[in-house]
Amino acid sequence: MGIEWFRDLSIIIFCLVSTVTLIFVAIIIFRLYRKMAVTLSLVQTLIKSVTDTVNKIEEIITTTSQNINDTVKEVKDSINLVSKSIADSIYHVREGINQALSMCSVIGGIQKGFEYIKNMFSEKCKEEGEANE
């Protein structure tokens, strides 16, 4: 047994250890790959679920926003209609008041005229009554 035999034995042992190590590493990598594949599948399912949820929420927000915009527009239109009606009512009330004031002025003038005529006749009656005495 010479040195060549120990050299060949050490090479064979190195090859066996290397082969066992490579097989062990390959098994570990394969198991890690399987677990990563399952995890990746779960993550993809989760991402799809989150995407669906976000899309539904976005749709709900869009619908709600549109409903709010429609409601605000309807309220704004109603307020504009009410303010126009109030403005028209105020205009008609002013016109009615102006006509009533004009009629009151005419009636007041007629009343003053009757009072003036009455005073004129009552002064004549007093003058005649004083003259008769």
N, C-alpha and C. Protein backbone atom coordinates (compact mmCIF):
# COMPACT_ATOMS: atom_id res chain seq x y z
N MET A 1 0.85 -1.16 0.00
CA MET A 1 0.00 0.00 0.00
C MET A 1 0.89 1.21 0.00
N GLY A 2 0.77 1.83 -1.07
CA GLY A 2 1.60 3.00 -1.18
C GLY A 2 0.75 4.26 -1.08
N ILE A 3 1.41 5.35 -1.30
CA ILE A 3 0.78 6.66 -1.20
C ILE A 3 -0.30 6.82 -2.26
N GLU A 4 -0.18 6.09 -3.36
CA GLU A 4 -1.17 6.20 -4.43
C GLU A 4 -2.52 5.66 -3.96
N TRP A 5 -2.45 4.60 -3.16
CA TRP A 5 -3.68 4.00 -2.68
C TRP A 5 -4.41 4.97 -1.75
N PHE A 6 -3.72 5.71 -0.86
CA PHE A 6 -4.33 6.70 0.04
C PHE A 6 -4.87 7.89 -0.75
N ARG A 7 -4.15 8.25 -1.80
CA ARG A 7 -4.63 9.32 -2.66
C ARG A 7 -5.94 8.92 -3.31
N ASP A 8 -6.00 7.72 -3.86
CA ASP A 8 -7.22 7.25 -4.53
C ASP A 8 -8.37 7.11 -3.50
N LEU A 9 -8.03 6.65 -2.30
CA LEU A 9 -9.04 6.52 -1.26
C LEU A 9 -9.58 7.89 -0.84
N SER A 10 -8.71 8.88 -0.71
CA SER A 10 -9.16 10.23 -0.33
C SER A 10 -10.01 10.85 -1.44
N ILE A 11 -9.67 10.56 -2.71
CA ILE A 11 -10.46 11.09 -3.82
C ILE A 11 -11.84 10.43 -3.82
N ILE A 12 -11.90 9.13 -3.57
CA ILE A 12 -13.18 8.42 -3.54
C ILE A 12 -14.05 8.94 -2.38
N ILE A 13 -13.44 9.11 -1.21
CA ILE A 13 -14.18 9.62 -0.05
C ILE A 13 -14.68 11.04 -0.34
N PHE A 14 -13.82 11.87 -0.94
CA PHE A 14 -14.23 13.24 -1.29
C PHE A 14 -15.41 13.22 -2.27
N CYS A 15 -15.35 12.31 -3.25
CA CYS A 15 -16.45 12.22 -4.23
C CYS A 15 -17.74 11.75 -3.56
N LEU A 16 -17.63 10.77 -2.66
CA LEU A 16 -18.83 10.29 -1.98
C LEU A 16 -19.44 11.38 -1.10
N VAL A 17 -18.61 12.08 -0.33
CA VAL A 17 -19.10 13.17 0.51
C VAL A 17 -19.71 14.27 -0.34
N SER A 18 -19.06 14.59 -1.44
CA SER A 18 -19.59 15.63 -2.35
C SER A 18 -20.93 15.21 -2.93
N THR A 19 -21.04 13.94 -3.33
CA THR A 19 -22.28 13.45 -3.91
C THR A 19 -23.40 13.47 -2.86
N VAL A 20 -23.12 13.01 -1.66
CA VAL A 20 -24.13 13.03 -0.61
C VAL A 20 -24.53 14.47 -0.29
N THR A 21 -23.56 15.37 -0.23
CA THR A 21 -23.86 16.79 0.04
C THR A 21 -24.71 17.39 -1.08
N LEU A 22 -24.37 17.10 -2.32
CA LEU A 22 -25.15 17.63 -3.45
C LEU A 22 -26.58 17.09 -3.42
N ILE A 23 -26.73 15.78 -3.09
CA ILE A 23 -28.07 15.20 -3.01
C ILE A 23 -28.85 15.85 -1.87
N PHE A 24 -28.20 16.05 -0.74
CA PHE A 24 -28.85 16.71 0.40
C PHE A 24 -29.27 18.14 0.05
N VAL A 25 -28.38 18.90 -0.59
CA VAL A 25 -28.69 20.29 -0.99
C VAL A 25 -29.83 20.28 -2.02
N ALA A 26 -29.82 19.31 -2.95
CA ALA A 26 -30.88 19.24 -3.97
C ALA A 26 -32.22 18.96 -3.30
N ILE A 27 -32.25 18.06 -2.30
CA ILE A 27 -33.49 17.76 -1.59
C ILE A 27 -33.99 18.99 -0.85
N ILE A 28 -33.08 19.71 -0.17
CA ILE A 28 -33.45 20.93 0.55
C ILE A 28 -34.00 21.98 -0.42
N ILE A 29 -33.35 22.17 -1.54
CA ILE A 29 -33.80 23.16 -2.54
C ILE A 29 -35.16 22.75 -3.10
N PHE A 30 -35.37 21.44 -3.37
CA PHE A 30 -36.65 20.98 -3.89
C PHE A 30 -37.77 21.23 -2.88
N ARG A 31 -37.53 20.90 -1.61
CA ARG A 31 -38.54 21.14 -0.57
C ARG A 31 -38.82 22.63 -0.43
N LEU A 32 -37.76 23.45 -0.48
CA LEU A 32 -37.94 24.90 -0.40
C LEU A 32 -38.74 25.41 -1.60
N TYR A 33 -38.47 24.86 -2.78
CA TYR A 33 -39.20 25.24 -3.98
C TYR A 33 -40.69 24.90 -3.85
N ARG A 34 -41.00 23.70 -3.33
CA ARG A 34 -42.40 23.30 -3.15
C ARG A 34 -43.12 24.22 -2.18
N LYS A 35 -42.44 24.53 -1.06
CA LYS A 35 -43.06 25.44 -0.09
C LYS A 35 -43.22 26.84 -0.68
N MET A 36 -42.24 27.28 -1.44
CA MET A 36 -42.33 28.59 -2.08
C MET A 36 -43.44 28.61 -3.13
N ALA A 37 -43.63 27.50 -3.84
CA ALA A 37 -44.69 27.42 -4.84
C ALA A 37 -46.06 27.53 -4.17
N VAL A 38 -46.24 26.83 -3.04
CA VAL A 38 -47.49 26.92 -2.31
C VAL A 38 -47.69 28.33 -1.78
N THR A 39 -46.63 28.90 -1.21
CA THR A 39 -46.70 30.27 -0.69
C THR A 39 -46.99 31.25 -1.81
N LEU A 40 -46.33 31.07 -2.95
CA LEU A 40 -46.57 31.95 -4.09
C LEU A 40 -48.01 31.84 -4.57
N SER A 41 -48.56 30.63 -4.59
CA SER A 41 -49.95 30.44 -4.98
C SER A 41 -50.89 31.14 -4.00
N LEU A 42 -50.61 31.01 -2.70
CA LEU A 42 -51.43 31.69 -1.70
C LEU A 42 -51.32 33.21 -1.84
N VAL A 43 -50.12 33.70 -2.11
CA VAL A 43 -49.93 35.14 -2.28
C VAL A 43 -50.68 35.64 -3.51
N GLN A 44 -50.63 34.85 -4.59
CA GLN A 44 -51.37 35.25 -5.80
C GLN A 44 -52.87 35.27 -5.54
N THR A 45 -53.37 34.30 -4.80
CA THR A 45 -54.79 34.27 -4.43
C THR A 45 -55.13 35.48 -3.57
N LEU A 46 -54.26 35.78 -2.62
CA LEU A 46 -54.48 36.94 -1.76
C LEU A 46 -54.47 38.24 -2.56
N ILE A 47 -53.52 38.36 -3.48
CA ILE A 47 -53.44 39.58 -4.32
C ILE A 47 -54.70 39.71 -5.17
N LYS A 48 -55.18 38.58 -5.74
CA LYS A 48 -56.41 38.63 -6.53
C LYS A 48 -57.58 39.05 -5.66
N SER A 49 -57.66 38.51 -4.46
CA SER A 49 -58.74 38.86 -3.54
C SER A 49 -58.67 40.34 -3.17
N VAL A 50 -57.48 40.82 -2.87
CA VAL A 50 -57.31 42.24 -2.53
C VAL A 50 -57.67 43.12 -3.71
N THR A 51 -57.25 42.71 -4.92
CA THR A 51 -57.58 43.48 -6.12
C THR A 51 -59.09 43.54 -6.34
N ASP A 52 -59.76 42.40 -6.17
CA ASP A 52 -61.22 42.38 -6.31
C ASP A 52 -61.89 43.28 -5.27
N THR A 53 -61.39 43.20 -4.03
CA THR A 53 -61.95 44.04 -2.97
C THR A 53 -61.74 45.52 -3.28
N VAL A 54 -60.55 45.88 -3.73
CA VAL A 54 -60.26 47.28 -4.06
C VAL A 54 -61.15 47.74 -5.21
N ASN A 55 -61.35 46.89 -6.21
CA ASN A 55 -62.21 47.25 -7.34
C ASN A 55 -63.66 47.46 -6.88
N LYS A 56 -64.14 46.57 -5.99
CA LYS A 56 -65.50 46.73 -5.47
C LYS A 56 -65.62 48.02 -4.67
N ILE A 57 -64.63 48.29 -3.83
CA ILE A 57 -64.66 49.53 -3.03
C ILE A 57 -64.61 50.75 -3.94
N GLU A 58 -63.77 50.69 -4.97
CA GLU A 58 -63.70 51.80 -5.92
C GLU A 58 -65.03 52.00 -6.63
N GLU A 59 -65.69 50.90 -7.00
CA GLU A 59 -67.00 50.99 -7.64
C GLU A 59 -68.04 51.58 -6.69
N ILE A 60 -68.00 51.14 -5.43
CA ILE A 60 -68.93 51.67 -4.43
C ILE A 60 -68.69 53.15 -4.22
N ILE A 61 -67.42 53.54 -4.13
CA ILE A 61 -67.09 54.96 -3.93
C ILE A 61 -67.54 55.78 -5.13
N THR A 62 -67.31 55.24 -6.34
CA THR A 62 -67.73 55.96 -7.55
C THR A 62 -69.24 56.12 -7.57
N THR A 63 -69.95 55.04 -7.26
CA THR A 63 -71.42 55.10 -7.26
C THR A 63 -71.92 56.07 -6.19
N THR A 64 -71.33 55.97 -5.00
CA THR A 64 -71.73 56.86 -3.91
C THR A 64 -71.43 58.31 -4.26
N SER A 65 -70.26 58.54 -4.85
CA SER A 65 -69.90 59.90 -5.25
C SER A 65 -70.88 60.44 -6.29
N GLN A 66 -71.25 59.60 -7.25
CA GLN A 66 -72.21 60.02 -8.27
C GLN A 66 -73.56 60.32 -7.63
N ASN A 67 -73.97 59.46 -6.68
CA ASN A 67 -75.25 59.70 -5.99
C ASN A 67 -75.20 61.00 -5.20
N ILE A 68 -74.09 61.24 -4.54
CA ILE A 68 -73.95 62.49 -3.77
C ILE A 68 -73.97 63.68 -4.72
N ASN A 69 -73.26 63.57 -5.85
CA ASN A 69 -73.26 64.68 -6.82
C ASN A 69 -74.67 64.92 -7.35
N ASP A 70 -75.41 63.84 -7.64
CA ASP A 70 -76.78 63.99 -8.12
C ASP A 70 -77.66 64.65 -7.05
N THR A 71 -77.49 64.21 -5.80
CA THR A 71 -78.28 64.78 -4.71
C THR A 71 -77.96 66.25 -4.52
N VAL A 72 -76.67 66.58 -4.56
CA VAL A 72 -76.26 67.99 -4.40
C VAL A 72 -76.83 68.82 -5.55
N LYS A 73 -76.81 68.27 -6.75
CA LYS A 73 -77.35 69.01 -7.90
C LYS A 73 -78.85 69.23 -7.73
N GLU A 74 -79.57 68.17 -7.27
CA GLU A 74 -81.01 68.31 -7.05
C GLU A 74 -81.31 69.34 -5.97
N VAL A 75 -80.53 69.31 -4.89
CA VAL A 75 -80.74 70.29 -3.81
C VAL A 75 -80.45 71.69 -4.32
N LYS A 76 -79.38 71.84 -5.09
CA LYS A 76 -79.03 73.15 -5.65
C LYS A 76 -80.14 73.66 -6.56
N ASP A 77 -80.66 72.76 -7.42
CA ASP A 77 -81.76 73.15 -8.31
C ASP A 77 -83.00 73.53 -7.50
N SER A 78 -83.27 72.77 -6.45
CA SER A 78 -84.43 73.08 -5.60
C SER A 78 -84.26 74.42 -4.91
N ILE A 79 -83.05 74.69 -4.42
CA ILE A 79 -82.79 75.98 -3.77
C ILE A 79 -82.94 77.11 -4.78
N ASN A 80 -82.45 76.92 -6.00
CA ASN A 80 -82.60 77.94 -7.04
C ASN A 80 -84.07 78.18 -7.36
N LEU A 81 -84.86 77.08 -7.43
CA LEU A 81 -86.28 77.21 -7.71
C LEU A 81 -86.99 77.95 -6.58
N VAL A 82 -86.67 77.58 -5.33
CA VAL A 82 -87.30 78.22 -4.18
C VAL A 82 -86.91 79.70 -4.12
N SER A 83 -85.63 80.01 -4.36
CA SER A 83 -85.21 81.41 -4.31
C SER A 83 -85.89 82.21 -5.43
N LYS A 84 -86.06 81.61 -6.61
CA LYS A 84 -86.76 82.30 -7.70
C LYS A 84 -88.22 82.53 -7.31
N SER A 85 -88.84 81.50 -6.70
CA SER A 85 -90.23 81.64 -6.26
C SER A 85 -90.36 82.73 -5.20
N ILE A 86 -89.41 82.77 -4.27
CA ILE A 86 -89.44 83.80 -3.23
C ILE A 86 -89.26 85.17 -3.86
N ALA A 87 -88.31 85.28 -4.82
CA ALA A 87 -88.09 86.57 -5.49
C ALA A 87 -89.35 87.00 -6.24
N ASP A 88 -90.01 86.05 -6.92
CA ASP A 88 -91.26 86.38 -7.62
C ASP A 88 -92.33 86.80 -6.63
N SER A 89 -92.43 86.09 -5.51
CA SER A 89 -93.43 86.44 -4.50
C SER A 89 -93.17 87.83 -3.94
N ILE A 90 -91.91 88.12 -3.65
CA ILE A 90 -91.57 89.45 -3.13
C ILE A 90 -91.91 90.52 -4.16
N TYR A 91 -91.65 90.25 -5.44
CA TYR A 91 -91.98 91.21 -6.49
C TYR A 91 -93.49 91.46 -6.53
N HIS A 92 -94.27 90.37 -6.47
CA HIS A 92 -95.73 90.53 -6.51
C HIS A 92 -96.24 91.25 -5.26
N VAL A 93 -95.65 90.95 -4.10
CA VAL A 93 -96.06 91.65 -2.87
C VAL A 93 -95.73 93.13 -2.99
N ARG A 94 -94.58 93.47 -3.53
CA ARG A 94 -94.21 94.89 -3.71
C ARG A 94 -95.18 95.58 -4.66
N GLU A 95 -95.49 94.89 -5.75
CA GLU A 95 -96.44 95.47 -6.70
C GLU A 95 -97.79 95.69 -6.04
N GLY A 96 -98.24 94.68 -5.27
CA GLY A 96 -99.52 94.82 -4.56
C GLY A 96 -99.47 95.95 -3.55
N ILE A 97 -98.34 96.07 -2.81
CA ILE A 97 -98.21 97.15 -1.83
C ILE A 97 -98.20 98.50 -2.54
N ASN A 98 -97.49 98.59 -3.68
CA ASN A 98 -97.47 99.86 -4.42
C ASN A 98 -98.87 100.24 -4.89
N GLN A 99 -99.63 99.27 -5.39
CA GLN A 99 -100.99 99.56 -5.82
C GLN A 99 -101.86 99.93 -4.63
N ALA A 100 -101.68 99.21 -3.50
CA ALA A 100 -102.47 99.54 -2.31
C ALA A 100 -102.11 100.93 -1.80
N LEU A 101 -100.82 101.28 -1.83
CA LEU A 101 -100.42 102.63 -1.41
C LEU A 101 -101.01 103.69 -2.33
N SER A 102 -101.02 103.40 -3.62
CA SER A 102 -101.62 104.36 -4.57
C SER A 102 -103.10 104.53 -4.26
N MET A 103 -103.79 103.40 -4.02
CA MET A 103 -105.22 103.50 -3.71
C MET A 103 -105.43 104.21 -2.38
N CYS A 104 -104.55 103.91 -1.39
CA CYS A 104 -104.67 104.59 -0.10
C CYS A 104 -104.45 106.09 -0.27
N SER A 105 -103.50 106.45 -1.13
CA SER A 105 -103.26 107.87 -1.38
C SER A 105 -104.48 108.52 -2.02
N VAL A 106 -105.08 107.83 -2.98
CA VAL A 106 -106.27 108.37 -3.63
C VAL A 106 -107.41 108.49 -2.61
N ILE A 107 -107.61 107.43 -1.81
CA ILE A 107 -108.67 107.46 -0.80
C ILE A 107 -108.38 108.54 0.22
N GLY A 108 -107.08 108.66 0.62
CA GLY A 108 -106.71 109.72 1.57
C GLY A 108 -106.96 111.10 0.98
N GLY A 109 -106.67 111.26 -0.31
CA GLY A 109 -106.95 112.55 -0.97
C GLY A 109 -108.43 112.85 -1.01
N ILE A 110 -109.22 111.83 -1.34
CA ILE A 110 -110.68 112.02 -1.37
C ILE A 110 -111.18 112.37 0.03
N GLN A 111 -110.64 111.66 1.05
CA GLN A 111 -111.06 111.92 2.42
C GLN A 111 -110.68 113.35 2.81
N LYS A 112 -109.48 113.78 2.47
CA LYS A 112 -109.07 115.16 2.79
C LYS A 112 -109.96 116.17 2.06
N GLY A 113 -110.30 115.80 0.81
CA GLY A 113 -111.20 116.68 0.06
C GLY A 113 -112.55 116.79 0.74
N PHE A 114 -113.13 115.66 1.19
CA PHE A 114 -114.41 115.69 1.90
C PHE A 114 -114.29 116.48 3.20
N GLU A 115 -113.16 116.29 3.92
CA GLU A 115 -112.96 117.05 5.17
C GLU A 115 -112.87 118.55 4.87
N TYR A 116 -112.17 118.89 3.82
CA TYR A 116 -112.05 120.30 3.44
C TYR A 116 -113.42 120.88 3.11
N ILE A 117 -114.17 120.11 2.30
CA ILE A 117 -115.52 120.58 1.94
C ILE A 117 -116.38 120.65 3.18
N LYS A 118 -116.28 119.66 4.07
CA LYS A 118 -117.07 119.66 5.30
C LYS A 118 -116.70 120.86 6.16
N ASN A 119 -115.40 121.10 6.29
CA ASN A 119 -114.95 122.26 7.07
C ASN A 119 -115.44 123.56 6.43
N MET A 120 -115.42 123.57 5.13
CA MET A 120 -115.88 124.78 4.44
C MET A 120 -117.36 125.04 4.73
N PHE A 121 -118.17 123.98 4.64
CA PHE A 121 -119.59 124.15 4.92
C PHE A 121 -119.85 124.42 6.39
N SER A 122 -119.08 123.79 7.27
CA SER A 122 -119.32 124.03 8.69
C SER A 122 -118.88 125.45 9.05
N GLU A 123 -117.85 125.99 8.38
CA GLU A 123 -117.47 127.38 8.66
C GLU A 123 -118.54 128.33 8.13
N LYS A 124 -119.13 128.01 7.01
CA LYS A 124 -120.20 128.85 6.48
C LYS A 124 -121.40 128.80 7.40
N CYS A 125 -121.68 127.58 7.92
CA CYS A 125 -122.81 127.44 8.84
C CYS A 125 -122.54 128.23 10.11
N LYS A 126 -121.34 128.24 10.58
CA LYS A 126 -121.00 128.99 11.79
C LYS A 126 -121.11 130.48 11.52
N GLU A 127 -120.62 130.89 10.37
CA GLU A 127 -120.68 132.30 10.02
C GLU A 127 -122.14 132.75 9.89
N GLU A 128 -122.95 131.90 9.30
CA GLU A 128 -124.35 132.24 9.16
C GLU A 128 -125.03 132.20 10.49
N GLY A 129 -124.63 131.24 11.32
CA GLY A 129 -125.21 131.16 12.66
C GLY A 129 -124.81 132.34 13.49
N GLU A 130 -123.62 132.84 13.36
CA GLU A 130 -123.18 134.00 14.10
C GLU A 130 -123.84 135.26 13.54
N ALA A 131 -124.01 135.26 12.26
CA ALA A 131 -124.64 136.40 11.64
C ALA A 131 -126.13 136.47 12.02
N ASN A 132 -126.78 135.37 12.19
CA ASN A 132 -128.18 135.31 12.56
C ASN A 132 -128.38 135.69 14.03
N GLU A 133 -127.46 135.60 14.76
CA GLU A 133 -127.62 135.88 16.17
C GLU A 133 -127.67 137.31 16.36
